[in-house]
Amino acid sequence: MTGKDIIKITLNLVVIYIVGGIILTAMYAWTSPIMYRNAVIEKEKALKELMPNAETIEKLGDWTIHDKHAEYFVCKRGGAVIGYIIQSFGKGYSSYIDTLIAVDKNFTVQSINILDHAETPGLGDEIEMDSFKNQFKGKDIGHLKVVKTETADYIEALSGATISSRAVTEDAVKNGVGFLMKRIQEGEDGESAQHE
């Protein structure tokens, strides 16, 4: 192989890398707005599912938990506040568990939804099951506690997944509701809650 052949191969590789980079950049520029739009639609859908009686759901502000950016919202019907939704994170066994929590005006949990996690399949991932999530309905902040026995007053731990159960209950949900109570009660009716 001569020096001329080496230069030719090198130039061909450089051209291939440049063309490939341009194609990837163009694809990203084309798909990025679509992915953003889809993410917004999915989030709006998730919020509406948590508070189906709300006519409007408006963002009130931002907050941080475990160095993760999260948001909180006010839900209205007929112009009156009927509840709030807060996004929160809990530190699980193998991931941070991204959670949405809907509460009524008295900060009693109405429903929760797990948006994202990487907990152990067959154990920790059972936090997504309705049988676990439905336990939260009607619980106030004083009853957001995991117990390992059968209970109607608190949250029953998932068998073999106590860490994931606590991450959702005592970290994500309890801290989210606590933050929301403090922030909304600082304002007059939720409308004047300050943004962080």
C-alpha atoms as a PDB file:
ATOM      1  CA  MET A   1       0.000   0.000   0.000  1.00  0.00           C
ATOM      2  CA  THR A   2       1.419   3.326  -1.035  1.00  0.00           C
ATOM      3  CA  GLY A   3       1.188   6.674   0.669  1.00  0.00           C
ATOM      4  CA  LYS A   4      -1.255   7.747  -2.055  1.00  0.00           C
ATOM      5  CA  ASP A   5      -3.568   4.816  -1.186  1.00  0.00           C
ATOM      6  CA  ILE A   6      -3.464   5.699   2.523  1.00  0.00           C
ATOM      7  CA  ILE A   7      -4.397   9.322   1.792  1.00  0.00           C
ATOM      8  CA  LYS A   8      -7.240   8.170  -0.494  1.00  0.00           C
ATOM      9  CA  ILE A   9      -8.649   5.792   2.154  1.00  0.00           C
ATOM     10  CA  THR A  10      -8.318   8.487   4.834  1.00  0.00           C
ATOM     11  CA  LEU A  11     -10.150  11.064   2.698  1.00  0.00           C
ATOM     12  CA  ASN A  12     -12.912   8.551   1.908  1.00  0.00           C
ATOM     13  CA  LEU A  13     -13.385   7.830   5.615  1.00  0.00           C
ATOM     14  CA  VAL A  14     -13.458  11.537   6.477  1.00  0.00           C
ATOM     15  CA  VAL A  15     -16.104  12.163   3.807  1.00  0.00           C
ATOM     16  CA  ILE A  16     -18.189   9.221   5.085  1.00  0.00           C
ATOM     17  CA  TYR A  17     -17.982  10.498   8.680  1.00  0.00           C
ATOM     18  CA  ILE A  18     -18.910  14.058   7.647  1.00  0.00           C
ATOM     19  CA  VAL A  19     -21.862  12.888   5.520  1.00  0.00           C
ATOM     20  CA  GLY A  20     -23.016  10.579   8.333  1.00  0.00           C
ATOM     21  CA  GLY A  21     -22.772  13.421  10.857  1.00  0.00           C
ATOM     22  CA  ILE A  22     -24.801  15.721   8.610  1.00  0.00           C
ATOM     23  CA  ILE A  23     -27.490  13.035   8.161  1.00  0.00           C
ATOM     24  CA  LEU A  24     -27.696  12.397  11.940  1.00  0.00           C
ATOM     25  CA  THR A  25     -27.899  16.126  12.660  1.00  0.00           C
ATOM     26  CA  ALA A  26     -30.649  16.564  10.076  1.00  0.00           C
ATOM     27  CA  MET A  27     -32.607  13.606  11.504  1.00  0.00           C
ATOM     28  CA  TYR A  28     -32.313  14.973  15.038  1.00  0.00           C
ATOM     29  CA  ALA A  29     -33.398  18.441  13.919  1.00  0.00           C
ATOM     30  CA  TRP A  30     -36.389  16.907  12.147  1.00  0.00           C
ATOM     31  CA  THR A  31     -37.466  14.494  14.922  1.00  0.00           C
ATOM     32  CA  SER A  32     -36.695  16.613  18.002  1.00  0.00           C
ATOM     33  CA  PRO A  33     -39.782  18.866  17.714  1.00  0.00           C
ATOM     34  CA  ILE A  34     -41.954  15.792  17.084  1.00  0.00           C
ATOM     35  CA  MET A  35     -40.582  14.039  20.186  1.00  0.00           C
ATOM     36  CA  TYR A  36     -41.115  17.206  22.262  1.00  0.00           C
ATOM     37  CA  ARG A  37     -44.712  17.557  21.016  1.00  0.00           C
ATOM     38  CA  ASN A  38     -45.414  13.890  21.773  1.00  0.00           C
ATOM     39  CA  ALA A  39     -43.951  14.253  25.279  1.00  0.00           C
ATOM     40  CA  VAL A  40     -46.208  17.262  25.943  1.00  0.00           C
ATOM     41  CA  ILE A  41     -49.268  15.339  24.693  1.00  0.00           C
ATOM     42  CA  GLU A  42     -48.380  12.310  26.863  1.00  0.00           C
ATOM     43  CA  LYS A  43     -47.937  14.508  29.936  1.00  0.00           C
ATOM     44  CA  GLU A  44     -51.258  16.289  29.346  1.00  0.00           C
ATOM     45  CA  LYS A  45     -52.939  12.897  28.960  1.00  0.00           C
ATOM     46  CA  ALA A  46     -51.365  11.615  32.197  1.00  0.00           C
ATOM     47  CA  LEU A  47     -52.486  14.750  34.078  1.00  0.00           C
ATOM     48  CA  LYS A  48     -56.045  14.458  32.752  1.00  0.00           C
ATOM     49  CA  GLU A  49     -56.213  10.775  33.751  1.00  0.00           C
ATOM     50  CA  LEU A  50     -55.223  11.689  37.321  1.00  0.00           C
ATOM     51  CA  MET A  51     -57.843  14.431  37.661  1.00  0.00           C
ATOM     52  CA  PRO A  52     -60.604  13.582  35.137  1.00  0.00           C
ATOM     53  CA  ASN A  53     -63.121  16.039  36.662  1.00  0.00           C
ATOM     54  CA  ALA A  54     -60.870  19.027  35.989  1.00  0.00           C
ATOM     55  CA  GLU A  55     -61.789  21.326  33.120  1.00  0.00           C
ATOM     56  CA  THR A  56     -58.382  23.004  33.220  1.00  0.00           C
ATOM     57  CA  ILE A  57     -54.998  21.961  34.593  1.00  0.00           C
ATOM     58  CA  GLU A  58     -52.524  24.827  34.857  1.00  0.00           C
ATOM     59  CA  LYS A  59     -48.875  24.706  35.856  1.00  0.00           C
ATOM     60  CA  LEU A  60     -48.237  26.522  39.137  1.00  0.00           C
ATOM     61  CA  GLY A  61     -44.501  26.075  39.443  1.00  0.00           C
ATOM     62  CA  ASP A  62     -41.359  24.013  39.601  1.00  0.00           C
ATOM     63  CA  TRP A  63     -39.534  22.319  42.434  1.00  0.00           C
ATOM     64  CA  THR A  64     -36.573  20.007  42.938  1.00  0.00           C
ATOM     65  CA  ILE A  65     -36.325  16.675  44.744  1.00  0.00           C
ATOM     66  CA  HIS A  66     -33.213  14.440  44.653  1.00  0.00           C
ATOM     67  CA  ASP A  67     -31.722  16.996  42.229  1.00  0.00           C
ATOM     68  CA  LYS A  68     -34.536  16.181  39.782  1.00  0.00           C
ATOM     69  CA  HIS A  69     -36.677  18.884  38.191  1.00  0.00           C
ATOM     70  CA  ALA A  70     -40.386  18.440  38.861  1.00  0.00           C
ATOM     71  CA  GLU A  71     -43.572  20.477  38.379  1.00  0.00           C
ATOM     72  CA  TYR A  72     -46.859  21.070  40.175  1.00  0.00           C
ATOM     73  CA  PHE A  73     -50.283  22.052  38.848  1.00  0.00           C
ATOM     74  CA  VAL A  74     -53.656  23.414  39.947  1.00  0.00           C
ATOM     75  CA  CYS A  75     -56.837  21.715  38.712  1.00  0.00           C
ATOM     76  CA  LYS A  76     -60.038  23.708  38.235  1.00  0.00           C
ATOM     77  CA  ARG A  77     -63.648  23.114  37.345  1.00  0.00           C
ATOM     78  CA  GLY A  78     -65.966  26.035  36.695  1.00  0.00           C
ATOM     79  CA  GLY A  79     -63.136  28.374  37.676  1.00  0.00           C
ATOM     80  CA  ALA A  80     -62.900  26.887  41.192  1.00  0.00           C
ATOM     81  CA  VAL A  81     -59.912  24.910  42.454  1.00  0.00           C
ATOM     82  CA  ILE A  82     -60.784  21.226  42.894  1.00  0.00           C
ATOM     83  CA  GLY A  83     -57.296  19.889  43.550  1.00  0.00           C
ATOM     84  CA  TYR A  84     -53.638  19.756  42.656  1.00  0.00           C
ATOM     85  CA  ILE A  85     -51.189  17.483  40.881  1.00  0.00           C
ATOM     86  CA  ILE A  86     -47.507  17.266  41.733  1.00  0.00           C
ATOM     87  CA  GLN A  87     -44.679  15.411  40.086  1.00  0.00           C
ATOM     88  CA  SER A  88     -42.218  13.856  42.519  1.00  0.00           C
ATOM     89  CA  PHE A  89     -39.334  11.386  42.621  1.00  0.00           C
ATOM     90  CA  GLY A  90     -38.528   8.620  45.068  1.00  0.00           C
ATOM     91  CA  LYS A  91     -35.133   6.914  45.409  1.00  0.00           C
ATOM     92  CA  GLY A  92     -35.863   3.253  44.782  1.00  0.00           C
ATOM     93  CA  TYR A  93     -33.752   0.110  44.815  1.00  0.00           C
ATOM     94  CA  SER A  94     -32.203   0.675  41.385  1.00  0.00           C
ATOM     95  CA  SER A  95     -33.678   3.928  40.077  1.00  0.00           C
ATOM     96  CA  TYR A  96     -35.419   7.187  40.828  1.00  0.00           C
ATOM     97  CA  ILE A  97     -39.149   6.592  40.519  1.00  0.00           C
ATOM     98  CA  ASP A  98     -40.899   9.409  38.621  1.00  0.00           C
ATOM     99  CA  THR A  99     -44.378   9.762  40.116  1.00  0.00           C
ATOM    100  CA  LEU A 100     -47.449  11.959  39.571  1.00  0.00           C
ATOM    101  CA  ILE A 101     -49.741  12.513  42.568  1.00  0.00           C
ATOM    102  CA  ALA A 102     -53.252  14.011  42.450  1.00  0.00           C
ATOM    103  CA  VAL A 103     -54.739  15.450  45.652  1.00  0.00           C
ATOM    104  CA  ASP A 104     -58.013  17.199  46.447  1.00  0.00           C
ATOM    105  CA  LYS A 105     -58.243  20.665  48.049  1.00  0.00           C
ATOM    106  CA  ASN A 106     -57.624  19.102  51.475  1.00  0.00           C
ATOM    107  CA  PHE A 107     -54.429  17.413  50.200  1.00  0.00           C
ATOM    108  CA  THR A 108     -55.936  13.938  50.421  1.00  0.00           C
ATOM    109  CA  VAL A 109     -54.467  11.694  47.721  1.00  0.00           C
ATOM    110  CA  GLN A 110     -56.923  10.881  44.941  1.00  0.00           C
ATOM    111  CA  SER A 111     -54.629   8.857  42.697  1.00  0.00           C
ATOM    112  CA  ILE A 112     -51.020   8.324  41.688  1.00  0.00           C
ATOM    113  CA  ASN A 113     -49.303   7.277  38.489  1.00  0.00           C
ATOM    114  CA  ILE A 114     -45.780   5.946  37.983  1.00  0.00           C
ATOM    115  CA  LEU A 115     -44.299   7.686  34.938  1.00  0.00           C
ATOM    116  CA  ASP A 116     -40.851   6.115  34.813  1.00  0.00           C
ATOM    117  CA  HIS A 117     -38.550   3.794  36.780  1.00  0.00           C
ATOM    118  CA  ALA A 118     -35.963   1.050  36.383  1.00  0.00           C
ATOM    119  CA  GLU A 119     -36.891  -1.139  39.354  1.00  0.00           C
ATOM    120  CA  THR A 120     -36.302  -4.901  39.332  1.00  0.00           C
ATOM    121  CA  PRO A 121     -38.632  -6.764  36.930  1.00  0.00           C
ATOM    122  CA  GLY A 122     -40.990  -9.093  38.778  1.00  0.00           C
ATOM    123  CA  LEU A 123     -40.441  -7.352  42.134  1.00  0.00           C
ATOM    124  CA  GLY A 124     -40.017  -3.580  42.260  1.00  0.00           C
ATOM    125  CA  ASP A 125     -41.807  -3.020  38.979  1.00  0.00           C
ATOM    126  CA  GLU A 126     -45.029  -4.107  40.712  1.00  0.00           C
ATOM    127  CA  ILE A 127     -45.302  -0.463  41.863  1.00  0.00           C
ATOM    128  CA  GLU A 128     -47.048   0.020  38.512  1.00  0.00           C
ATOM    129  CA  MET A 129     -49.837  -2.416  39.380  1.00  0.00           C
ATOM    130  CA  ASP A 130     -53.279  -0.979  40.153  1.00  0.00           C
ATOM    131  CA  SER A 131     -53.470  -3.098  43.320  1.00  0.00           C
ATOM    132  CA  PHE A 132     -50.536  -1.103  44.724  1.00  0.00           C
ATOM    133  CA  LYS A 133     -51.453   2.333  43.326  1.00  0.00           C
ATOM    134  CA  ASN A 134     -55.112   2.101  44.411  1.00  0.00           C
ATOM    135  CA  GLN A 135     -54.047   1.894  48.077  1.00  0.00           C
ATOM    136  CA  PHE A 136     -53.208   5.617  47.989  1.00  0.00           C
ATOM    137  CA  LYS A 137     -56.759   6.837  47.340  1.00  0.00           C
ATOM    138  CA  GLY A 138     -58.135   8.659  50.370  1.00  0.00           C
ATOM    139  CA  LYS A 139     -54.832   8.756  52.272  1.00  0.00           C
ATOM    140  CA  ASP A 140     -53.728  11.987  53.945  1.00  0.00           C
ATOM    141  CA  ILE A 141     -50.086  12.792  54.664  1.00  0.00           C
ATOM    142  CA  GLY A 142     -50.272  11.129  58.088  1.00  0.00           C
ATOM    143  CA  HIS A 143     -51.194   7.790  56.520  1.00  0.00           C
ATOM    144  CA  LEU A 144     -48.500   7.701  53.841  1.00  0.00           C
ATOM    145  CA  LYS A 145     -46.462   5.041  55.577  1.00  0.00           C
ATOM    146  CA  VAL A 146     -45.458   1.560  54.408  1.00  0.00           C
ATOM    147  CA  VAL A 147     -46.222  -1.421  56.643  1.00  0.00           C
ATOM    148  CA  LYS A 148     -45.429  -5.081  55.995  1.00  0.00           C
ATOM    149  CA  THR A 149     -48.765  -6.392  57.263  1.00  0.00           C
ATOM    150  CA  GLU A 150     -52.235  -6.249  55.765  1.00  0.00           C
ATOM    151  CA  THR A 151     -53.696  -2.792  56.352  1.00  0.00           C
ATOM    152  CA  ALA A 152     -56.444  -0.442  55.274  1.00  0.00           C
ATOM    153  CA  ASP A 153     -55.024   2.574  57.123  1.00  0.00           C
ATOM    154  CA  TYR A 154     -51.559   2.681  55.564  1.00  0.00           C
ATOM    155  CA  ILE A 155     -49.815   1.364  52.439  1.00  0.00           C
ATOM    156  CA  GLU A 156     -49.078  -2.354  52.355  1.00  0.00           C
ATOM    157  CA  ALA A 157     -45.552  -3.118  51.121  1.00  0.00           C
ATOM    158  CA  LEU A 158     -45.135  -5.187  47.985  1.00  0.00           C
ATOM    159  CA  SER A 159     -43.764  -8.618  48.840  1.00  0.00           C
ATOM    160  CA  GLY A 160     -40.012  -8.627  48.157  1.00  0.00           C
ATOM    161  CA  ALA A 161     -40.041  -4.965  47.152  1.00  0.00           C
ATOM    162  CA  THR A 162     -40.168  -2.988  50.396  1.00  0.00           C
ATOM    163  CA  ILE A 163     -37.529  -0.507  49.173  1.00  0.00           C
ATOM    164  CA  SER A 164     -39.526   0.290  46.026  1.00  0.00           C
ATOM    165  CA  SER A 165     -42.749   0.516  48.076  1.00  0.00           C
ATOM    166  CA  ARG A 166     -41.123   2.986  50.491  1.00  0.00           C
ATOM    167  CA  ALA A 167     -39.567   4.970  47.638  1.00  0.00           C
ATOM    168  CA  VAL A 168     -43.006   5.615  46.170  1.00  0.00           C
ATOM    169  CA  THR A 169     -44.910   6.065  49.441  1.00  0.00           C
ATOM    170  CA  GLU A 170     -42.599   7.716  51.944  1.00  0.00           C
ATOM    171  CA  ASP A 171     -40.284   9.477  49.514  1.00  0.00           C
ATOM    172  CA  ALA A 172     -42.087  10.477  46.308  1.00  0.00           C
ATOM    173  CA  VAL A 173     -45.718  10.750  47.473  1.00  0.00           C
ATOM    174  CA  LYS A 174     -45.257  11.920  51.079  1.00  0.00           C
ATOM    175  CA  ASN A 175     -42.560  14.476  50.201  1.00  0.00           C
ATOM    176  CA  GLY A 176     -44.530  15.681  47.180  1.00  0.00           C
ATOM    177  CA  VAL A 177     -47.742  16.150  49.172  1.00  0.00           C
ATOM    178  CA  GLY A 178     -45.800  17.797  52.012  1.00  0.00           C
ATOM    179  CA  PHE A 179     -44.147  20.250  49.632  1.00  0.00           C
ATOM    180  CA  LEU A 180     -47.465  20.991  47.942  1.00  0.00           C
ATOM    181  CA  MET A 181     -49.254  21.614  51.264  1.00  0.00           C
ATOM    182  CA  LYS A 182     -46.549  24.024  52.387  1.00  0.00           C
ATOM    183  CA  ARG A 183     -46.380  25.843  49.050  1.00  0.00           C
ATOM    184  CA  ILE A 184     -50.148  26.190  48.520  1.00  0.00           C
ATOM    185  CA  GLN A 185     -50.806  27.226  52.113  1.00  0.00           C
ATOM    186  CA  GLU A 186     -48.181  29.985  51.710  1.00  0.00           C
ATOM    187  CA  GLY A 187     -50.399  31.380  48.943  1.00  0.00           C
ATOM    188  CA  GLU A 188     -54.026  32.359  49.457  1.00  0.00           C
ATOM    189  CA  ASP A 189     -55.754  29.702  47.368  1.00  0.00           C
ATOM    190  CA  GLY A 190     -53.081  28.197  45.214  1.00  0.00           C
ATOM    191  CA  GLU A 191     -53.213  31.009  42.711  1.00  0.00           C
ATOM    192  CA  SER A 192     -50.505  33.009  44.415  1.00  0.00           C
ATOM    193  CA  ALA A 193     -48.181  30.109  45.204  1.00  0.00           C
ATOM    194  CA  GLN A 194     -44.676  31.208  44.403  1.00  0.00           C
ATOM    195  CA  HIS A 195     -42.556  29.435  41.807  1.00  0.00           C
ATOM    196  CA  GLU A 196     -39.265  27.966  42.898  1.00  0.00           C
END
